[in-house]
């Protein structure tokens, strides 16, 4: 791995572990065992590194949010809920890789206009994606005939997707990455749960059982 890429990988890990505000360019150089001059040769300090890390995150998430997630070819022999679950899980895995952006997003958006613009665009893309998910999941029930109610469900899904990591941090309950990702996806889809048909409800209940088992494995 080239030095420039190593810097980004190490910076992302330190931002996640310690919080972006608590990490300096010197900390990143020290962790990599390179000189500060070598780091500044590749990036214009911490702000330049953060900008590039966010650019990587944005490209990955924007590409996923534009994926044809509701087409049957996305996951053959599956129903819309199973396809939605897979899509949201892959999306959350990427968000978790850059979780420092979501754990402190208000502060980052205030201090960095580039991140502010990018996060707002991602929020819009997520809202479009959850609208497609809600429309597909609830196509066979009465709510689909009520656009405003459907919009409310999609809004709630998007807000949960955007802010659940912060909520879990505030509760102070330590969880494994696997459980955090699984719990977030479950919470996003919980907004559709009351309206699901029998087959999809069965799949959702199975996901709830998995969540309970994951919680049990972490109990002392």
Protein backbone atom coordinates (compact mmCIF):
# COMPACT_ATOMS: atom_id res chain seq x y z
CA UNK A 1 0.00 0.00 0.00
CA UNK A 2 1.38 3.41 -0.98
CA UNK A 3 2.10 6.00 1.70
CA UNK A 4 -0.75 8.30 0.66
CA UNK A 5 -3.26 5.46 1.04
CA UNK A 6 -1.72 4.32 4.32
CA UNK A 7 -2.19 7.84 5.67
CA UNK A 8 -5.89 7.81 4.81
CA UNK A 9 -6.46 4.34 6.29
CA UNK A 10 -4.63 5.20 9.50
CA UNK A 11 -6.33 8.59 9.84
CA UNK A 12 -9.76 7.01 9.43
CA UNK A 13 -8.99 4.46 12.13
CA UNK A 14 -7.74 7.12 14.54
CA UNK A 15 -10.72 9.38 13.82
CA UNK A 16 -13.04 6.46 14.61
CA UNK A 17 -11.18 5.44 17.76
CA UNK A 18 -10.42 8.84 19.27
CA UNK A 19 -12.73 11.30 17.54
CA UNK A 20 -11.64 13.65 14.78
CA UNK A 21 -11.06 16.64 17.10
CA UNK A 22 -8.62 14.64 19.23
CA UNK A 23 -6.35 13.59 16.36
CA UNK A 24 -3.61 15.78 14.90
CA UNK A 25 -1.47 15.40 11.80
CA UNK A 26 1.46 14.61 14.10
CA UNK A 27 -0.56 11.80 15.72
CA UNK A 28 -1.17 10.27 12.29
CA UNK A 29 2.51 10.54 11.33
CA UNK A 30 3.57 9.03 14.66
CA UNK A 31 1.16 6.12 14.25
CA UNK A 32 2.58 5.44 10.78
CA UNK A 33 6.18 5.92 11.96
CA UNK A 34 6.83 8.51 9.27
CA UNK A 35 8.07 12.08 9.58
CA UNK A 36 5.57 14.98 9.60
CA UNK A 37 7.34 16.24 6.49
CA UNK A 38 6.54 13.00 4.69
CA UNK A 39 2.88 13.36 5.64
CA UNK A 40 2.76 17.01 4.49
CA UNK A 41 4.36 15.95 1.20
CA UNK A 42 1.18 13.98 0.44
CA UNK A 43 -1.49 16.11 2.15
CA UNK A 44 -1.82 19.69 3.37
CA UNK A 45 -2.13 18.67 7.00
CA UNK A 46 -5.06 17.18 8.86
CA UNK A 47 -7.68 19.20 6.97
CA UNK A 48 -6.40 17.86 3.66
CA UNK A 49 -6.50 14.30 5.00
CA UNK A 50 -10.01 14.73 6.37
CA UNK A 51 -11.19 16.15 3.06
CA UNK A 52 -9.85 13.15 1.17
CA UNK A 53 -11.29 10.67 3.69
CA UNK A 54 -14.71 12.27 3.33
CA UNK A 55 -14.41 12.25 -0.47
CA UNK A 56 -13.78 8.49 -0.36
CA UNK A 57 -16.76 8.00 1.95
CA UNK A 58 -19.03 10.12 -0.23
CA UNK A 59 -18.13 8.28 -3.43
CA UNK A 60 -18.73 4.88 -1.85
CA UNK A 61 -22.08 5.79 -0.30
CA UNK A 62 -23.37 7.75 -3.29
CA UNK A 63 -22.60 4.80 -5.56
CA UNK A 64 -24.46 2.40 -3.29
CA UNK A 65 -27.47 4.67 -2.93
CA UNK A 66 -27.82 4.75 -6.73
CA UNK A 67 -27.79 0.94 -7.01
CA UNK A 68 -30.81 -0.89 -8.49
CA UNK A 69 -31.69 -2.30 -5.08
CA UNK A 70 -35.29 -3.22 -5.80
CA UNK A 71 -34.78 -5.17 -9.00
CA UNK A 72 -35.16 -8.93 -8.64
CA UNK A 73 -31.80 -9.42 -10.34
CA UNK A 74 -30.22 -7.66 -7.33
CA UNK A 75 -30.95 -10.78 -5.27
CA UNK A 76 -32.69 -13.59 -7.14
CA UNK A 77 -35.53 -15.58 -5.53
CA UNK A 78 -36.02 -12.97 -2.82
CA UNK A 79 -38.78 -10.65 -1.72
CA UNK A 80 -38.43 -6.84 -1.42
CA UNK A 81 -37.73 -7.02 2.32
CA UNK A 82 -34.82 -9.44 1.86
CA UNK A 83 -33.37 -7.20 -0.86
CA UNK A 84 -33.87 -4.15 1.36
CA UNK A 85 -32.16 -5.91 4.26
CA UNK A 86 -29.12 -6.82 2.17
CA UNK A 87 -28.87 -3.32 0.71
CA UNK A 88 -29.15 -1.59 4.09
CA UNK A 89 -26.63 -3.98 5.66
CA UNK A 90 -24.02 -3.27 2.98
CA UNK A 91 -24.75 0.45 3.26
CA UNK A 92 -24.40 0.41 7.05
CA UNK A 93 -21.14 -1.54 6.87
CA UNK A 94 -19.67 1.31 4.84
CA UNK A 95 -21.16 3.97 7.13
CA UNK A 96 -19.63 2.15 10.09
CA UNK A 97 -16.20 2.27 8.45
CA UNK A 98 -16.52 6.08 8.56
CA UNK A 99 -18.57 6.26 11.75
CA UNK A 100 -16.74 9.28 13.15
CA UNK A 101 -18.58 11.34 10.52
CA UNK A 102 -21.93 10.26 11.98
CA UNK A 103 -20.98 10.35 15.64
CA UNK A 104 -20.04 14.02 15.42
CA UNK A 105 -21.72 15.14 12.22
CA UNK A 106 -23.20 18.42 13.48
CA UNK A 107 -19.82 19.70 14.65
CA UNK A 108 -18.06 18.56 11.47
CA UNK A 109 -20.72 20.15 9.27
CA UNK A 110 -20.36 23.46 11.11
CA UNK A 111 -16.56 23.52 10.82
CA UNK A 112 -16.12 22.16 7.30
CA UNK A 113 -18.36 23.56 4.51
CA UNK A 114 -17.30 20.73 2.18
CA UNK A 115 -18.55 18.12 4.66
CA UNK A 116 -21.71 20.16 5.25
CA UNK A 117 -22.55 20.14 1.53
CA UNK A 118 -21.65 16.48 1.14
CA UNK A 119 -23.64 15.28 4.14
CA UNK A 120 -26.68 17.20 2.94
CA UNK A 121 -26.39 15.58 -0.47
CA UNK A 122 -26.05 12.15 1.16
CA UNK A 123 -29.13 12.86 3.27
CA UNK A 124 -31.06 13.65 0.10
CA UNK A 125 -29.82 10.46 -1.57
CA UNK A 126 -30.73 8.41 1.50
CA UNK A 127 -34.19 9.96 1.54
CA UNK A 128 -34.66 9.00 -2.12
CA UNK A 129 -33.48 5.46 -1.38
CA UNK A 130 -35.78 5.01 1.63
CA UNK A 131 -38.68 6.34 -0.45
CA UNK A 132 -38.03 3.62 -3.03
CA UNK A 133 -37.71 1.02 -0.28
CA UNK A 134 -40.93 2.07 1.45
CA UNK A 135 -42.85 2.18 -1.82
CA UNK A 136 -41.73 -1.35 -2.72
CA UNK A 137 -42.22 -2.82 0.75
CA UNK A 138 -45.69 -1.35 1.22
CA UNK A 139 -46.95 -1.70 -2.35
CA UNK A 140 -49.50 -4.37 -1.38
CA UNK A 141 -51.05 -2.60 1.62
CA UNK A 142 -53.42 0.31 2.08
CA UNK A 143 -50.72 2.79 3.10
CA UNK A 144 -49.39 2.83 -0.47
CA UNK A 145 -52.57 4.67 -1.46
CA UNK A 146 -51.71 7.50 0.95
CA UNK A 147 -48.65 9.38 -0.37
CA UNK A 148 -48.28 11.60 2.71
CA UNK A 149 -48.27 8.63 5.07
CA UNK A 150 -45.78 6.87 2.82
CA UNK A 151 -43.59 9.98 2.91
CA UNK A 152 -43.67 9.93 6.71
CA UNK A 153 -42.47 6.33 6.77
CA UNK A 154 -39.66 7.11 4.30
CA UNK A 155 -38.63 10.20 6.32
CA UNK A 156 -38.48 8.15 9.53
CA UNK A 157 -36.39 5.49 7.81
CA UNK A 158 -33.94 8.10 6.48
CA UNK A 159 -33.61 9.82 9.87
CA UNK A 160 -32.93 6.53 11.61
CA UNK A 161 -30.33 5.61 9.02
CA UNK A 162 -28.61 8.98 9.42
CA UNK A 163 -28.67 9.35 13.21
CA UNK A 164 -28.92 5.90 14.81
CA UNK A 165 -25.16 5.62 15.41
CA UNK A 166 -25.28 8.83 17.46
CA UNK A 167 -28.27 7.53 19.40
CA UNK A 168 -26.47 4.31 20.28
CA UNK A 169 -23.41 6.27 21.36
CA UNK A 170 -25.57 8.37 23.70
CA UNK A 171 -27.13 5.29 25.31
CA UNK A 172 -23.65 4.20 26.35
CA UNK A 173 -24.25 0.49 25.77
CA UNK A 174 -21.13 -1.11 24.22
CA UNK A 175 -21.93 -3.23 21.20
CA UNK A 176 -19.96 -5.14 18.63
CA UNK A 177 -19.79 -3.76 15.07
CA UNK A 178 -21.95 -6.68 13.91
CA UNK A 179 -24.68 -5.94 16.41
CA UNK A 180 -24.58 -2.20 15.78
CA UNK A 181 -25.03 -2.73 12.04
CA UNK A 182 -27.75 -5.34 12.51
CA UNK A 183 -29.61 -3.21 15.07
CA UNK A 184 -29.50 -0.15 12.81
CA UNK A 185 -30.93 -2.04 9.84
CA UNK A 186 -33.63 -3.52 12.08
CA UNK A 187 -34.56 -0.07 13.38
CA UNK A 188 -34.73 1.39 9.86
CA UNK A 189 -37.07 -1.36 8.69
CA UNK A 190 -39.13 -1.26 11.89
CA UNK A 191 -40.96 1.74 10.43
CA UNK A 192 -42.40 -0.58 7.78
CA UNK A 193 -42.98 -3.57 10.06
CA UNK A 194 -46.63 -2.82 11.00
CA UNK A 195 -47.60 -2.84 7.32
CA UNK A 196 -45.73 -5.92 6.06
CA UNK A 197 -47.46 -8.95 4.54
CA UNK A 198 -47.23 -12.43 6.03
CA UNK A 199 -44.12 -13.60 4.17
CA UNK A 200 -42.21 -10.39 4.83
CA UNK A 201 -43.35 -10.30 8.46
CA UNK A 202 -41.93 -13.79 8.98
CA UNK A 203 -38.56 -12.66 7.63
CA UNK A 204 -38.65 -9.58 9.86
CA UNK A 205 -39.38 -11.71 12.95
CA UNK A 206 -36.40 -13.91 12.10
CA UNK A 207 -34.23 -10.78 12.01
CA UNK A 208 -35.55 -9.78 15.44
CA UNK A 209 -34.56 -13.18 16.80
CA UNK A 210 -31.06 -12.77 15.37
CA UNK A 211 -30.81 -9.40 17.08
CA UNK A 212 -31.85 -10.95 20.39
CA UNK A 213 -29.24 -13.70 20.02
CA UNK A 214 -26.53 -11.14 19.22
CA UNK A 215 -27.47 -9.26 22.37
CA UNK A 216 -27.31 -12.45 24.43
CA UNK A 217 -23.79 -13.19 23.22
CA UNK A 218 -22.65 -9.85 24.64
CA UNK A 219 -24.33 -10.25 28.01
CA UNK A 220 -21.89 -10.95 30.90
